[in-house]
Protein backbone atom coordinates (compact mmCIF):
# COMPACT_ATOMS: atom_id res chain seq x y z
CA MET A 1 -12.32 3.09 -1.98
CA ASN A 2 -11.04 0.19 0.08
CA ALA A 3 -7.46 -0.67 -0.85
CA ASP A 4 -7.60 -4.30 0.28
CA PRO A 5 -9.81 -6.26 -2.17
CA SER A 6 -10.47 -8.94 0.43
CA LEU A 7 -12.28 -6.30 2.49
CA THR A 8 -14.44 -5.00 -0.33
CA HIS A 9 -17.83 -6.21 -1.37
CA ALA A 10 -16.42 -6.94 -4.83
CA GLY A 11 -13.68 -9.03 -3.25
CA VAL A 12 -16.34 -11.26 -1.72
CA CYS A 13 -18.42 -11.37 -4.91
CA VAL A 14 -15.59 -12.10 -7.31
CA GLY A 15 -14.02 -14.67 -5.01
CA GLY A 16 -17.32 -16.25 -3.98
CA GLY A 17 -17.54 -18.71 -6.85
CA ARG A 18 -21.32 -18.25 -7.25
CA GLY A 19 -22.53 -17.45 -10.75
CA TRP A 20 -24.70 -14.50 -9.76
CA MET A 21 -21.84 -12.90 -7.84
CA ALA A 22 -19.77 -12.61 -11.00
CA ARG A 23 -22.62 -10.58 -12.54
CA ALA A 24 -23.02 -8.28 -9.52
CA TRP A 25 -22.57 -4.58 -10.20
CA CYS A 26 -20.38 -4.23 -7.12
CA ALA A 27 -17.82 -6.52 -8.79
CA THR A 28 -17.37 -4.11 -11.72
CA PRO A 29 -14.78 -1.36 -12.06
CA GLU A 30 -17.62 1.20 -12.13
CA ALA A 31 -18.46 0.36 -8.53
CA ALA A 32 -14.90 0.48 -7.23
CA ASP A 33 -15.26 3.95 -5.70
CA LEU A 34 -18.09 2.92 -3.39
CA SER A 35 -17.60 1.47 0.05
CA TRP A 36 -19.96 -1.49 0.40
CA ILE A 37 -18.87 -1.92 3.99
CA ALA A 38 -20.24 1.56 4.53
CA GLU A 39 -20.34 3.37 7.82
CA GLY A 40 -22.54 6.37 8.40
CA HIS A 41 -25.97 7.15 7.06
CA ARG A 42 -24.78 8.93 3.90
CA ALA A 43 -22.37 6.21 2.85
CA ILE A 44 -24.95 3.49 3.48
CA ALA A 45 -27.61 5.42 1.55
CA ARG A 46 -25.23 5.95 -1.37
CA ALA A 47 -24.27 2.27 -1.54
CA LYS A 48 -27.91 1.13 -1.26
CA ALA A 49 -29.05 3.53 -3.99
CA ALA A 50 -26.27 2.46 -6.35
CA CYS A 51 -27.03 -1.19 -5.72
CA ALA A 52 -30.76 -0.75 -6.31
CA ALA A 53 -30.21 1.31 -9.46
CA HIS A 54 -27.43 -0.65 -11.17
CA CYS A 55 -27.24 -4.24 -9.99
CA PRO A 56 -28.83 -6.93 -12.18
CA VAL A 57 -28.70 -9.51 -9.37
CA VAL A 58 -29.97 -7.42 -6.44
CA ASP A 59 -32.69 -9.96 -5.62
CA GLU A 60 -30.32 -12.95 -5.65
CA CYS A 61 -27.83 -11.05 -3.53
CA GLY A 62 -30.38 -10.07 -0.90
CA ALA A 63 -31.90 -13.55 -0.77
CA TRP A 64 -28.47 -15.16 -0.39
CA GLU A 65 -27.49 -12.87 2.46
CA LEU A 66 -30.85 -13.25 4.23
CA ALA A 67 -30.63 -17.03 3.98
CA ALA A 68 -27.16 -16.95 5.54
CA GLU A 69 -28.24 -14.72 8.44
CA GLY A 70 -24.58 -14.01 9.12
CA ALA A 71 -24.48 -10.31 8.46
CA MET A 72 -23.09 -9.28 11.82
CA THR A 73 -20.88 -12.24 12.65
CA GLU A 74 -19.11 -13.46 9.53
CA PRO A 75 -16.18 -11.50 8.07
CA GLY A 76 -17.02 -9.97 4.71
CA ARG A 77 -20.78 -10.13 5.28
CA ALA A 78 -21.35 -6.73 6.86
CA GLY A 79 -22.36 -3.77 4.76
CA VAL A 80 -24.83 -3.41 1.91
CA TRP A 81 -26.11 -6.58 0.23
CA GLY A 82 -29.21 -6.71 -1.96
CA ALA A 83 -29.71 -2.95 -1.50
CA MET A 84 -30.20 -3.55 2.24
CA SER A 85 -28.07 -2.43 5.15
CA THR A 86 -26.90 -4.82 7.83
CA ARG A 87 -29.62 -3.54 10.17
CA GLU A 88 -32.33 -3.98 7.54
CA ARG A 89 -31.23 -7.56 6.82
CA ASP A 90 -31.10 -8.38 10.52
CA ALA A 91 -34.61 -6.97 10.99
CA ALA A 92 -35.91 -8.95 7.98
CA ALA A 93 -34.33 -12.13 9.35
CA ARG A 94 -35.93 -11.57 12.78
CA THR A 95 -39.31 -11.00 11.13
CA ARG A 96 -38.95 -14.17 9.08
CA ARG A 97 -38.02 -16.23 12.16
CA LYS A 98 -41.07 -14.87 14.02
CA GLN A 99 -43.32 -15.75 11.09
CA GLU A 100 -41.86 -19.25 10.97
CA ARG A 101 -42.69 -19.67 14.66
CA GLY A 102 -46.22 -18.35 14.06
CA GLU A 103 -45.65 -15.12 15.99
CA LYS A 104 -46.79 -11.70 14.85
């Protein structure tokens, strides 16, 4: 568990002021033992699986993060959001930008 709440996923969700964030599973005490800013394949897989299985706002979370496209550059945005890793979100954002430009 991350000791500094400002560095946890829940710290972002609870402090974010968006209605869906307050309902996010990662903002509950049950999720406190997971590292949402996961490093390593096992930790990322565990966080993604927990998110997909338990979170009632997984779609809103993923859509919000994809719209922001700040996963790698903004503090607090790395890690698992919407049951997707940072790499998966970056790949989805690249694909969306290509589609918007009419590329395949």
